[in-house]
Amino acid sequence: MEAARIATSAREASGWRHAAAVVDVLRCSTTLCALLAGGCPGVTVYADPRLAAAASRRRPEAELF
């Protein structure tokens, strides 16, 4: 099985021939607002998924979306 890859642009993913997941930025911001409105004590947004994963490992009580 091939390792997961993350494209940061449509051009980068244009040659892909397998299934892909698309992140909907508007839905993401709506989720963030709902988390905060629901009492989540804080939200941190990372531009690099590797940084988010590293932060999640340092804080196992945190939820990673």
C-alpha atoms as a PDB file:
ATOM      1  CA  MET A   1       0.000   0.000   0.000  1.00  0.00           C
ATOM      2  CA  GLU A   2       1.298   3.439  -0.913  1.00  0.00           C
ATOM      3  CA  ALA A   3       1.811   5.975   1.878  1.00  0.00           C
ATOM      4  CA  ALA A   4      -0.695   8.818   2.086  1.00  0.00           C
ATOM      5  CA  ARG A   5       0.260  11.997   0.278  1.00  0.00           C
ATOM      6  CA  ILE A   6      -1.034  15.502   0.750  1.00  0.00           C
ATOM      7  CA  ALA A   7      -1.396  17.868  -2.187  1.00  0.00           C
ATOM      8  CA  THR A   8      -1.371  21.568  -1.471  1.00  0.00           C
ATOM      9  CA  SER A   9      -2.735  22.530  -4.879  1.00  0.00           C
ATOM     10  CA  ALA A  10      -4.942  21.113  -7.636  1.00  0.00           C
ATOM     11  CA  ARG A  11      -1.935  21.068  -9.958  1.00  0.00           C
ATOM     12  CA  GLU A  12       0.011  18.870  -7.580  1.00  0.00           C
ATOM     13  CA  ALA A  13      -2.849  16.332  -7.481  1.00  0.00           C
ATOM     14  CA  SER A  14      -3.704  16.481 -11.188  1.00  0.00           C
ATOM     15  CA  GLY A  15      -1.723  13.315 -11.989  1.00  0.00           C
ATOM     16  CA  TRP A  16      -3.201  11.192  -9.217  1.00  0.00           C
ATOM     17  CA  ARG A  17      -5.106   8.140 -10.408  1.00  0.00           C
ATOM     18  CA  HIS A  18      -6.521   6.770  -7.144  1.00  0.00           C
ATOM     19  CA  ALA A  19      -9.027   7.888  -4.524  1.00  0.00           C
ATOM     20  CA  ALA A  20      -8.486  11.265  -2.899  1.00  0.00           C
ATOM     21  CA  ALA A  21      -9.961  13.100   0.093  1.00  0.00           C
ATOM     22  CA  VAL A  22     -10.809  16.767  -0.281  1.00  0.00           C
ATOM     23  CA  VAL A  23     -10.813  19.180   2.656  1.00  0.00           C
ATOM     24  CA  ASP A  24     -13.601  21.719   2.476  1.00  0.00           C
ATOM     25  CA  VAL A  25     -12.180  24.911   3.991  1.00  0.00           C
ATOM     26  CA  LEU A  26     -15.603  26.473   4.588  1.00  0.00           C
ATOM     27  CA  ARG A  27     -16.789  23.371   6.402  1.00  0.00           C
ATOM     28  CA  CYS A  28     -13.566  23.413   8.410  1.00  0.00           C
ATOM     29  CA  SER A  29     -14.150  26.970   9.589  1.00  0.00           C
ATOM     30  CA  THR A  30     -17.769  26.117  10.455  1.00  0.00           C
ATOM     31  CA  THR A  31     -16.537  23.166  12.524  1.00  0.00           C
ATOM     32  CA  LEU A  32     -14.031  25.402  14.312  1.00  0.00           C
ATOM     33  CA  CYS A  33     -16.766  27.914  15.160  1.00  0.00           C
ATOM     34  CA  ALA A  34     -19.044  25.128  16.413  1.00  0.00           C
ATOM     35  CA  LEU A  35     -16.267  23.723  18.611  1.00  0.00           C
ATOM     36  CA  LEU A  36     -15.650  27.132  20.177  1.00  0.00           C
ATOM     37  CA  ALA A  37     -19.353  27.894  20.570  1.00  0.00           C
ATOM     38  CA  GLY A  38     -19.816  24.484  22.192  1.00  0.00           C
ATOM     39  CA  GLY A  39     -17.296  25.261  24.892  1.00  0.00           C
ATOM     40  CA  CYS A  40     -14.049  23.919  23.451  1.00  0.00           C
ATOM     41  CA  PRO A  41     -11.349  25.713  25.458  1.00  0.00           C
ATOM     42  CA  GLY A  42      -9.214  26.479  22.428  1.00  0.00           C
ATOM     43  CA  VAL A  43      -8.471  25.590  18.842  1.00  0.00           C
ATOM     44  CA  THR A  44      -5.105  25.611  17.120  1.00  0.00           C
ATOM     45  CA  VAL A  45      -4.915  25.483  13.332  1.00  0.00           C
ATOM     46  CA  TYR A  46      -1.789  24.128  11.647  1.00  0.00           C
ATOM     47  CA  ALA A  47      -0.897  24.739   8.013  1.00  0.00           C
ATOM     48  CA  ASP A  48       1.328  21.653   7.998  1.00  0.00           C
ATOM     49  CA  PRO A  49      -0.283  18.305   8.904  1.00  0.00           C
ATOM     50  CA  ARG A  50       3.030  17.047  10.285  1.00  0.00           C
ATOM     51  CA  LEU A  51       3.044  19.857  12.848  1.00  0.00           C
ATOM     52  CA  ALA A  52      -0.525  19.015  13.846  1.00  0.00           C
ATOM     53  CA  ALA A  53       0.373  15.344  14.295  1.00  0.00           C
ATOM     54  CA  ALA A  54       3.436  16.244  16.378  1.00  0.00           C
ATOM     55  CA  ALA A  55       1.354  18.549  18.586  1.00  0.00           C
ATOM     56  CA  SER A  56      -1.232  15.798  19.004  1.00  0.00           C
ATOM     57  CA  ARG A  57       1.458  13.384  20.203  1.00  0.00           C
ATOM     58  CA  ARG A  58       2.651  15.945  22.770  1.00  0.00           C
ATOM     59  CA  ARG A  59      -0.891  16.481  24.078  1.00  0.00           C
ATOM     60  CA  PRO A  60      -2.732  13.149  24.065  1.00  0.00           C
ATOM     61  CA  GLU A  61      -5.774  14.741  25.714  1.00  0.00           C
ATOM     62  CA  ALA A  62      -6.278  16.987  22.679  1.00  0.00           C
ATOM     63  CA  GLU A  63      -8.510  16.000  19.781  1.00  0.00           C
ATOM     64  CA  LEU A  64      -7.099  16.183  16.273  1.00  0.00           C
ATOM     65  CA  PHE A  65      -9.496  17.038  13.427  1.00  0.00           C
END
